[in-house]
Amino acid sequence: MFYVGFGQVGIFDKTYERTVLQINGVVELDGKVYLGQGCRLSVANNAVVHFGKSFVNTAAMTLVCSNSVFFGEDCTVAWNTLIMDTDWHQTIDVVNNKVKPCSKPIHVGCRTWIGTRAIVLKGAHIPDGCIIGAGAIITQKFDKENACIVGNPARIAKENITMQRKN
């Protein structure tokens, strides 16, 4: 059910691209999960990462969870991606002394594709069927399904589009 370090991605050298698993919290699996070579998965105490069935990461994904990260079914995550639900440091509004949380849950819907070098940060919500463009930085909640989300700041570039999947 949980395949780690699988595959042969030509541009990654298995000698130097090490996989690191640091799991102190909970990892939930709804089905087969494939984490490619050079993956780094860190799940803190009391944190939960949920992988829906048929999750695939090509290679070198870094996933840091101190709160909650949820992936729906049939998600594809390309190489050199960063998914992190925390920035590890609380901030304070100096006008009203309100402390802002350093972590917020991440939700990635079903049938999503996160492109290479994309960054998904705390509080992000990606609806079902979305494509996250290469290098995009997702820091907010999106509501539109089957959209192509690109850039920094992230924006919807195209609607009514999704990744074609093989049977």
N, C-alpha and C. Protein backbone atom coordinates (compact mmCIF):
# COMPACT_ATOMS: atom_id res chain seq x y z
N MET A 1 0.81 -1.21 0.00
CA MET A 1 0.00 0.00 0.00
C MET A 1 0.85 1.26 0.00
N PHE A 2 2.03 1.24 0.60
CA PHE A 2 2.85 2.43 0.75
C PHE A 2 4.21 2.16 0.14
N TYR A 3 4.43 2.67 -1.07
CA TYR A 3 5.66 2.44 -1.81
C TYR A 3 6.54 3.68 -1.69
N VAL A 4 7.75 3.51 -1.20
CA VAL A 4 8.64 4.64 -0.96
C VAL A 4 9.92 4.47 -1.75
N GLY A 5 10.34 5.51 -2.45
CA GLY A 5 11.59 5.48 -3.22
C GLY A 5 11.45 4.72 -4.52
N PHE A 6 10.23 4.62 -5.06
CA PHE A 6 9.99 3.85 -6.27
C PHE A 6 10.44 4.64 -7.50
N GLY A 7 10.54 3.95 -8.60
CA GLY A 7 10.68 4.58 -9.91
C GLY A 7 12.10 4.95 -10.29
N GLN A 8 12.24 5.26 -11.54
CA GLN A 8 13.51 5.68 -12.10
C GLN A 8 13.27 6.97 -12.89
N VAL A 9 13.42 8.09 -12.24
CA VAL A 9 13.31 9.37 -12.93
C VAL A 9 14.72 9.73 -13.34
N GLY A 10 14.94 9.82 -14.64
CA GLY A 10 16.28 9.95 -15.20
C GLY A 10 17.15 11.06 -14.64
N ILE A 11 16.56 12.18 -14.24
CA ILE A 11 17.39 13.29 -13.77
C ILE A 11 17.73 13.22 -12.28
N PHE A 12 17.24 12.17 -11.59
CA PHE A 12 17.54 12.03 -10.18
C PHE A 12 18.53 10.89 -9.97
N ASP A 13 19.56 11.15 -9.20
CA ASP A 13 20.60 10.18 -8.92
C ASP A 13 20.28 9.49 -7.60
N LYS A 14 19.99 8.20 -7.66
CA LYS A 14 19.62 7.47 -6.45
C LYS A 14 20.72 7.49 -5.39
N THR A 15 21.95 7.71 -5.80
CA THR A 15 23.04 7.76 -4.83
C THR A 15 22.92 8.98 -3.92
N TYR A 16 22.45 10.10 -4.45
CA TYR A 16 22.43 11.34 -3.69
C TYR A 16 21.03 11.81 -3.31
N GLU A 17 20.02 11.36 -4.00
CA GLU A 17 18.64 11.73 -3.68
C GLU A 17 18.08 10.76 -2.66
N ARG A 18 18.31 11.03 -1.40
CA ARG A 18 17.89 10.15 -0.32
C ARG A 18 16.45 10.44 0.10
N THR A 19 15.75 9.40 0.43
CA THR A 19 14.40 9.51 0.97
C THR A 19 14.51 9.59 2.49
N VAL A 20 13.74 10.52 3.09
CA VAL A 20 13.75 10.70 4.53
C VAL A 20 12.32 10.62 5.03
N LEU A 21 12.08 9.71 5.98
CA LEU A 21 10.77 9.61 6.61
C LEU A 21 10.93 9.89 8.10
N GLN A 22 10.25 10.91 8.58
CA GLN A 22 10.25 11.24 10.01
C GLN A 22 8.77 11.32 10.41
N ILE A 23 8.26 10.23 10.92
CA ILE A 23 6.82 10.12 11.18
C ILE A 23 6.60 9.94 12.68
N ASN A 24 6.18 11.02 13.33
CA ASN A 24 5.84 10.98 14.75
C ASN A 24 4.34 11.09 14.95
N GLY A 25 3.64 11.53 13.92
CA GLY A 25 2.18 11.65 13.96
C GLY A 25 1.55 10.49 13.22
N VAL A 26 0.47 10.77 12.49
CA VAL A 26 -0.32 9.74 11.84
C VAL A 26 -0.28 9.93 10.32
N VAL A 27 -0.09 8.83 9.59
CA VAL A 27 -0.21 8.83 8.13
C VAL A 27 -1.35 7.88 7.80
N GLU A 28 -2.41 8.42 7.17
CA GLU A 28 -3.58 7.62 6.80
C GLU A 28 -3.52 7.32 5.31
N LEU A 29 -3.80 6.06 4.95
CA LEU A 29 -3.78 5.63 3.55
C LEU A 29 -5.14 5.06 3.18
N ASP A 30 -5.74 5.58 2.10
CA ASP A 30 -7.00 5.03 1.60
C ASP A 30 -6.78 3.99 0.52
N GLY A 31 -5.56 3.87 0.05
CA GLY A 31 -5.23 2.94 -1.02
C GLY A 31 -3.75 3.06 -1.28
N LYS A 32 -3.33 2.65 -2.46
CA LYS A 32 -1.91 2.67 -2.80
C LYS A 32 -1.38 4.11 -2.88
N VAL A 33 -0.20 4.29 -2.27
CA VAL A 33 0.48 5.58 -2.26
C VAL A 33 1.91 5.35 -2.74
N TYR A 34 2.34 6.14 -3.71
CA TYR A 34 3.69 6.02 -4.27
C TYR A 34 4.44 7.31 -4.01
N LEU A 35 5.53 7.22 -3.24
CA LEU A 35 6.42 8.35 -3.01
C LEU A 35 7.72 8.06 -3.73
N GLY A 36 8.07 8.88 -4.69
CA GLY A 36 9.24 8.66 -5.51
C GLY A 36 10.55 8.87 -4.77
N GLN A 37 11.64 8.55 -5.48
CA GLN A 37 12.96 8.67 -4.87
C GLN A 37 13.24 10.11 -4.44
N GLY A 38 13.97 10.25 -3.34
CA GLY A 38 14.34 11.56 -2.84
C GLY A 38 13.23 12.29 -2.11
N CYS A 39 12.18 11.59 -1.75
CA CYS A 39 11.06 12.19 -1.02
C CYS A 39 11.45 12.46 0.42
N ARG A 40 10.89 13.51 0.98
CA ARG A 40 11.10 13.82 2.39
C ARG A 40 9.72 14.04 3.01
N LEU A 41 9.39 13.22 4.00
CA LEU A 41 8.09 13.29 4.66
C LEU A 41 8.32 13.45 6.15
N SER A 42 7.84 14.57 6.70
CA SER A 42 7.98 14.84 8.13
C SER A 42 6.59 15.10 8.70
N VAL A 43 6.17 14.24 9.63
CA VAL A 43 4.86 14.37 10.26
C VAL A 43 5.10 14.51 11.77
N ALA A 44 4.76 15.67 12.32
CA ALA A 44 5.02 15.97 13.73
C ALA A 44 4.04 15.25 14.65
N ASN A 45 4.36 15.26 15.94
CA ASN A 45 3.44 14.72 16.95
C ASN A 45 2.07 15.36 16.79
N ASN A 46 1.03 14.56 16.91
CA ASN A 46 -0.36 15.02 16.83
C ASN A 46 -0.77 15.54 15.45
N ALA A 47 0.06 15.40 14.46
CA ALA A 47 -0.26 15.84 13.10
C ALA A 47 -0.77 14.66 12.29
N VAL A 48 -1.56 14.95 11.23
CA VAL A 48 -2.14 13.90 10.40
C VAL A 48 -1.95 14.24 8.92
N VAL A 49 -1.38 13.29 8.18
CA VAL A 49 -1.33 13.37 6.72
C VAL A 49 -2.25 12.28 6.20
N HIS A 50 -3.17 12.67 5.32
CA HIS A 50 -4.10 11.71 4.73
C HIS A 50 -3.85 11.64 3.23
N PHE A 51 -3.58 10.43 2.74
CA PHE A 51 -3.40 10.19 1.31
C PHE A 51 -4.61 9.42 0.80
N GLY A 52 -5.34 9.99 -0.16
CA GLY A 52 -6.41 9.26 -0.81
C GLY A 52 -5.82 8.20 -1.71
N LYS A 53 -6.68 7.30 -2.21
CA LYS A 53 -6.17 6.20 -3.04
C LYS A 53 -5.54 6.74 -4.32
N SER A 54 -4.54 6.01 -4.79
CA SER A 54 -3.82 6.33 -6.04
C SER A 54 -3.08 7.65 -6.00
N PHE A 55 -2.43 7.94 -4.88
CA PHE A 55 -1.57 9.12 -4.77
C PHE A 55 -0.22 8.78 -5.38
N VAL A 56 0.32 9.66 -6.23
CA VAL A 56 1.63 9.44 -6.84
C VAL A 56 2.46 10.71 -6.75
N ASN A 57 3.67 10.56 -6.25
CA ASN A 57 4.69 11.62 -6.33
C ASN A 57 5.82 11.08 -7.17
N THR A 58 6.23 11.83 -8.17
CA THR A 58 7.28 11.39 -9.09
C THR A 58 8.63 11.25 -8.38
N ALA A 59 9.08 12.33 -7.72
CA ALA A 59 10.36 12.31 -7.01
C ALA A 59 10.54 13.61 -6.24
N ALA A 60 11.33 13.56 -5.19
CA ALA A 60 11.84 14.73 -4.46
C ALA A 60 10.77 15.69 -3.95
N MET A 61 9.64 15.17 -3.50
CA MET A 61 8.64 16.00 -2.84
C MET A 61 9.06 16.17 -1.38
N THR A 62 8.92 17.38 -0.86
CA THR A 62 9.10 17.62 0.56
C THR A 62 7.74 17.95 1.14
N LEU A 63 7.30 17.13 2.10
CA LEU A 63 6.01 17.35 2.74
C LEU A 63 6.27 17.46 4.24
N VAL A 64 5.96 18.64 4.80
CA VAL A 64 6.15 18.90 6.22
C VAL A 64 4.78 19.17 6.82
N CYS A 65 4.40 18.36 7.81
CA CYS A 65 3.07 18.47 8.41
C CYS A 65 3.20 18.61 9.92
N SER A 66 2.73 19.73 10.45
CA SER A 66 2.67 19.88 11.91
C SER A 66 1.23 19.98 12.39
N ASN A 67 0.28 19.97 11.45
CA ASN A 67 -1.13 20.12 11.76
C ASN A 67 -1.92 19.07 10.99
N SER A 68 -2.28 19.39 9.73
CA SER A 68 -3.07 18.47 8.91
C SER A 68 -2.86 18.76 7.43
N VAL A 69 -2.56 17.70 6.68
CA VAL A 69 -2.48 17.79 5.22
C VAL A 69 -3.35 16.67 4.67
N PHE A 70 -4.31 17.03 3.81
CA PHE A 70 -5.25 16.07 3.25
C PHE A 70 -5.13 16.05 1.73
N PHE A 71 -4.96 14.86 1.15
CA PHE A 71 -4.99 14.67 -0.29
C PHE A 71 -6.17 13.78 -0.62
N GLY A 72 -7.01 14.20 -1.57
CA GLY A 72 -8.08 13.35 -2.05
C GLY A 72 -7.51 12.25 -2.93
N GLU A 73 -8.39 11.49 -3.57
CA GLU A 73 -7.93 10.37 -4.40
C GLU A 73 -7.40 10.86 -5.75
N ASP A 74 -6.53 10.04 -6.35
CA ASP A 74 -5.98 10.29 -7.69
C ASP A 74 -5.20 11.59 -7.80
N CYS A 75 -4.40 11.91 -6.79
CA CYS A 75 -3.56 13.11 -6.85
C CYS A 75 -2.20 12.75 -7.43
N THR A 76 -1.66 13.65 -8.24
CA THR A 76 -0.33 13.50 -8.80
C THR A 76 0.49 14.72 -8.39
N VAL A 77 1.65 14.47 -7.80
CA VAL A 77 2.53 15.56 -7.37
C VAL A 77 3.88 15.37 -8.06
N ALA A 78 4.30 16.37 -8.82
CA ALA A 78 5.54 16.30 -9.59
C ALA A 78 6.76 16.47 -8.68
N TRP A 79 7.94 16.42 -9.29
CA TRP A 79 9.17 16.49 -8.51
C TRP A 79 9.50 17.89 -8.04
N ASN A 80 10.36 17.94 -7.03
CA ASN A 80 10.85 19.18 -6.44
C ASN A 80 9.72 20.09 -5.95
N THR A 81 8.71 19.51 -5.34
CA THR A 81 7.60 20.29 -4.80
C THR A 81 7.75 20.40 -3.28
N LEU A 82 7.16 21.46 -2.73
CA LEU A 82 7.17 21.68 -1.28
C LEU A 82 5.73 21.86 -0.84
N ILE A 83 5.32 21.05 0.14
CA ILE A 83 3.99 21.16 0.73
C ILE A 83 4.21 21.25 2.23
N MET A 84 3.80 22.39 2.82
CA MET A 84 4.15 22.63 4.21
C MET A 84 3.02 23.40 4.90
N ASP A 85 2.45 22.80 5.95
CA ASP A 85 1.32 23.44 6.64
C ASP A 85 1.75 24.32 7.81
N THR A 86 3.01 24.64 7.89
CA THR A 86 3.53 25.46 8.98
C THR A 86 4.68 26.33 8.47
N ASP A 87 4.88 27.46 9.12
CA ASP A 87 6.10 28.23 8.85
C ASP A 87 6.97 28.30 10.10
N TRP A 88 6.58 27.54 11.11
CA TRP A 88 7.33 27.29 12.35
C TRP A 88 7.45 28.49 13.28
N HIS A 89 7.06 29.68 12.85
CA HIS A 89 7.23 30.86 13.70
C HIS A 89 5.93 31.65 13.76
N GLN A 90 5.42 31.86 14.97
CA GLN A 90 4.24 32.70 15.10
C GLN A 90 4.63 34.14 14.82
N THR A 91 3.67 34.89 14.32
CA THR A 91 3.88 36.33 14.13
C THR A 91 2.87 37.07 15.00
N ILE A 92 3.15 38.31 15.26
CA ILE A 92 2.27 39.12 16.09
C ILE A 92 2.01 40.44 15.38
N ASP A 93 0.76 40.85 15.40
CA ASP A 93 0.38 42.16 14.87
C ASP A 93 0.76 43.18 15.93
N VAL A 94 1.68 44.06 15.63
CA VAL A 94 2.19 44.99 16.64
C VAL A 94 1.20 46.08 16.99
N VAL A 95 0.14 46.26 16.20
CA VAL A 95 -0.88 47.26 16.51
C VAL A 95 -1.84 46.76 17.59
N ASN A 96 -2.32 45.50 17.43
CA ASN A 96 -3.30 44.99 18.39
C ASN A 96 -2.79 43.80 19.22
N ASN A 97 -1.54 43.46 19.08
CA ASN A 97 -0.91 42.35 19.81
C ASN A 97 -1.57 41.00 19.57
N LYS A 98 -2.23 40.84 18.43
CA LYS A 98 -2.87 39.58 18.10
C LYS A 98 -1.83 38.63 17.51
N VAL A 99 -1.71 37.45 18.13
CA VAL A 99 -0.76 36.44 17.66
C VAL A 99 -1.43 35.63 16.56
N LYS A 100 -0.74 35.45 15.45
CA LYS A 100 -1.26 34.67 14.33
C LYS A 100 -0.66 33.26 14.39
N PRO A 101 -1.48 32.25 14.07
CA PRO A 101 -0.99 30.87 14.16
C PRO A 101 0.11 30.60 13.14
N CYS A 102 1.02 29.72 13.52
CA CYS A 102 2.11 29.38 12.60
C CYS A 102 1.77 28.19 11.72
N SER A 103 0.60 27.54 11.95
CA SER A 103 0.21 26.44 11.08
C SER A 103 -1.29 26.47 10.84
N LYS A 104 -1.68 25.99 9.66
CA LYS A 104 -3.09 25.85 9.28
C LYS A 104 -3.19 24.64 8.37
N PRO A 105 -4.31 23.93 8.40
CA PRO A 105 -4.47 22.74 7.56
C PRO A 105 -4.38 23.06 6.07
N ILE A 106 -3.96 22.06 5.31
CA ILE A 106 -3.94 22.12 3.84
C ILE A 106 -4.91 21.06 3.34
N HIS A 107 -5.69 21.44 2.32
CA HIS A 107 -6.62 20.49 1.69
C HIS A 107 -6.36 20.49 0.19
N VAL A 108 -6.08 19.30 -0.35
CA VAL A 108 -5.88 19.12 -1.79
C VAL A 108 -6.97 18.15 -2.25
N GLY A 109 -7.82 18.60 -3.15
CA GLY A 109 -8.96 17.80 -3.59
C GLY A 109 -8.56 16.62 -4.46
N CYS A 110 -9.57 15.87 -4.87
CA CYS A 110 -9.37 14.69 -5.72
C CYS A 110 -8.95 15.10 -7.13
N ARG A 111 -8.21 14.21 -7.78
CA ARG A 111 -7.82 14.37 -9.18
C ARG A 111 -7.07 15.66 -9.45
N THR A 112 -6.20 16.04 -8.53
CA THR A 112 -5.40 17.25 -8.72
C THR A 112 -4.01 16.87 -9.23
N TRP A 113 -3.38 17.82 -9.86
CA TRP A 113 -2.02 17.66 -10.36
C TRP A 113 -1.23 18.88 -9.91
N ILE A 114 -0.21 18.66 -9.11
CA ILE A 114 0.65 19.74 -8.62
C ILE A 114 1.95 19.67 -9.40
N GLY A 115 2.23 20.72 -10.19
CA GLY A 115 3.38 20.74 -11.09
C GLY A 115 4.71 20.93 -10.39
N THR A 116 5.76 20.67 -11.14
CA THR A 116 7.12 20.73 -10.60
C THR A 116 7.45 22.09 -9.99
N ARG A 117 8.16 22.05 -8.90
CA ARG A 117 8.61 23.22 -8.15
C ARG A 117 7.49 24.09 -7.61
N ALA A 118 6.27 23.57 -7.58
CA ALA A 118 5.17 24.30 -6.96
C ALA A 118 5.34 24.25 -5.44
N ILE A 119 4.79 25.25 -4.78
CA ILE A 119 4.83 25.34 -3.32
C ILE A 119 3.41 25.51 -2.82
N VAL A 120 3.01 24.64 -1.89
CA VAL A 120 1.68 24.71 -1.29
C VAL A 120 1.89 24.95 0.20
N LEU A 121 1.41 26.09 0.70
CA LEU A 121 1.69 26.49 2.08
C LEU A 121 0.44 26.48 2.95
N LYS A 122 0.65 26.73 4.24
CA LYS A 122 -0.40 26.64 5.25
C LYS A 122 -1.67 27.36 4.82
N GLY A 123 -2.81 26.73 5.11
CA GLY A 123 -4.11 27.31 4.80
C GLY A 123 -4.56 27.15 3.36
N ALA A 124 -3.76 26.53 2.52
CA ALA A 124 -4.13 26.37 1.11
C ALA A 124 -5.28 25.38 0.97
N HIS A 125 -6.16 25.66 0.01
CA HIS A 125 -7.27 24.77 -0.32
C HIS A 125 -7.33 24.70 -1.84
N ILE A 126 -7.11 23.49 -2.36
CA ILE A 126 -7.13 23.26 -3.81
C ILE A 126 -8.32 22.35 -4.11
N PRO A 127 -9.28 22.83 -4.90
CA PRO A 127 -10.47 22.03 -5.20
C PRO A 127 -10.18 20.84 -6.11
N ASP A 128 -11.17 19.97 -6.25
CA ASP A 128 -11.07 18.79 -7.11
C ASP A 128 -10.75 19.18 -8.55
N GLY A 129 -9.93 18.35 -9.19
CA GLY A 129 -9.66 18.47 -10.62
C GLY A 129 -8.74 19.59 -11.03
N CYS A 130 -8.13 20.29 -10.08
CA CYS A 130 -7.29 21.44 -10.43
C CYS A 130 -5.88 21.02 -10.86
N ILE A 131 -5.28 21.86 -11.65
CA ILE A 131 -3.88 21.73 -12.05
C ILE A 131 -3.14 22.93 -11.47
N ILE A 132 -2.07 22.65 -10.73
CA ILE A 132 -1.24 23.71 -10.17
C ILE A 132 -0.01 23.82 -11.06
N GLY A 133 0.17 24.96 -11.69
CA GLY A 133 1.26 25.16 -12.64
C GLY A 133 2.63 25.09 -11.99
N ALA A 134 3.62 24.77 -12.80
CA ALA A 134 5.01 24.70 -12.33
C ALA A 134 5.40 26.03 -11.69
N GLY A 135 5.99 25.95 -10.51
CA GLY A 135 6.49 27.13 -9.82
C GLY A 135 5.43 27.97 -9.12
N ALA A 136 4.18 27.58 -9.16
CA ALA A 136 3.12 28.36 -8.49
C ALA A 136 3.30 28.29 -6.98
N ILE A 137 2.84 29.33 -6.30
CA ILE A 137 2.88 29.36 -4.84
C ILE A 137 1.45 29.54 -4.35
N ILE A 138 0.93 28.50 -3.69
CA ILE A 138 -0.46 28.48 -3.24
C ILE A 138 -0.50 28.75 -1.74
N THR A 139 -1.13 29.87 -1.37
CA THR A 139 -1.21 30.27 0.03
C THR A 139 -2.63 30.56 0.47
N GLN A 140 -3.60 30.30 -0.40
CA GLN A 140 -4.97 30.71 -0.09
C GLN A 140 -5.96 29.63 -0.48
N LYS A 141 -7.22 29.91 -0.25
CA LYS A 141 -8.29 28.99 -0.59
C LYS A 141 -8.84 29.34 -1.97
N PHE A 142 -8.92 28.33 -2.83
CA PHE A 142 -9.58 28.46 -4.13
C PHE A 142 -10.86 27.65 -4.08
N ASP A 143 -11.89 28.10 -4.82
CA ASP A 143 -13.19 27.43 -4.79
C ASP A 143 -13.57 26.78 -6.11
N LYS A 144 -12.97 27.18 -7.21
CA LYS A 144 -13.37 26.71 -8.52
C LYS A 144 -12.69 25.39 -8.86
N GLU A 145 -13.50 24.34 -9.12
CA GLU A 145 -12.97 23.04 -9.53
C GLU A 145 -12.51 23.10 -10.98
N ASN A 146 -11.65 22.14 -11.36
CA ASN A 146 -11.18 21.99 -12.75
C ASN A 146 -10.63 23.30 -13.31
N ALA A 147 -9.71 23.88 -12.55
CA ALA A 147 -9.09 25.13 -12.97
C ALA A 147 -7.58 24.95 -12.97
N CYS A 148 -6.91 25.72 -13.80
CA CYS A 148 -5.45 25.76 -13.82
C CYS A 148 -5.03 26.99 -13.03
N ILE A 149 -4.29 26.76 -11.95
CA ILE A 149 -3.88 27.82 -11.04
C ILE A 149 -2.38 28.01 -11.20
N VAL A 150 -1.96 29.24 -11.45
CA VAL A 150 -0.55 29.51 -11.76
C VAL A 150 -0.07 30.75 -11.02
N GLY A 151 1.26 30.89 -10.95
CA GLY A 151 1.89 32.14 -10.55
C GLY A 151 2.08 32.38 -9.07
N ASN A 152 2.62 33.60 -8.82
CA ASN A 152 2.84 34.11 -7.48
C ASN A 152 2.61 35.62 -7.52
N PRO A 153 1.50 36.11 -6.98
CA PRO A 153 0.50 35.35 -6.25
C PRO A 153 -0.31 34.46 -7.19
N ALA A 154 -0.79 33.36 -6.65
CA ALA A 154 -1.52 32.39 -7.44
C ALA A 154 -2.84 32.97 -7.93
N ARG A 155 -3.20 32.59 -9.16
CA ARG A 155 -4.45 33.05 -9.75
C ARG A 155 -4.95 31.96 -10.70
N ILE A 156 -6.23 31.99 -10.99
CA ILE A 156 -6.78 31.05 -11.95
C ILE A 156 -6.50 31.57 -13.35
N ALA A 157 -5.77 30.76 -14.13
CA ALA A 157 -5.40 31.15 -15.49
C ALA A 157 -6.36 30.57 -16.52
N LYS A 158 -6.96 29.43 -16.20
CA LYS A 158 -7.85 28.75 -17.14
C LYS A 158 -8.89 27.99 -16.34
N GLU A 159 -10.09 27.92 -16.88
CA GLU A 159 -11.17 27.17 -16.24
C GLU A 159 -11.60 26.01 -17.13
N ASN A 160 -12.33 25.07 -16.54
CA ASN A 160 -12.86 23.90 -17.25
C ASN A 160 -11.75 23.06 -17.91
N ILE A 161 -10.70 22.80 -17.13
CA ILE A 161 -9.57 22.00 -17.59
C ILE A 161 -9.10 21.12 -16.45
N THR A 162 -8.65 19.91 -16.77
CA THR A 162 -8.11 19.01 -15.76
C THR A 162 -7.10 18.09 -16.41
N MET A 163 -6.38 17.32 -15.62
CA MET A 163 -5.39 16.38 -16.13
C MET A 163 -6.08 15.15 -16.71
N GLN A 164 -5.64 14.72 -17.88
CA GLN A 164 -6.17 13.48 -18.45
C GLN A 164 -5.45 12.32 -17.78
N ARG A 165 -6.22 11.38 -17.28
CA ARG A 165 -5.64 10.24 -16.58
C ARG A 165 -5.84 8.97 -17.38
N LYS A 166 -4.83 8.11 -17.31
CA LYS A 166 -4.93 6.82 -17.97
C LYS A 166 -5.78 5.89 -17.13
N ASN A 167 -6.45 4.96 -17.77
CA ASN A 167 -7.28 4.01 -17.02
C ASN A 167 -6.41 3.01 -16.28
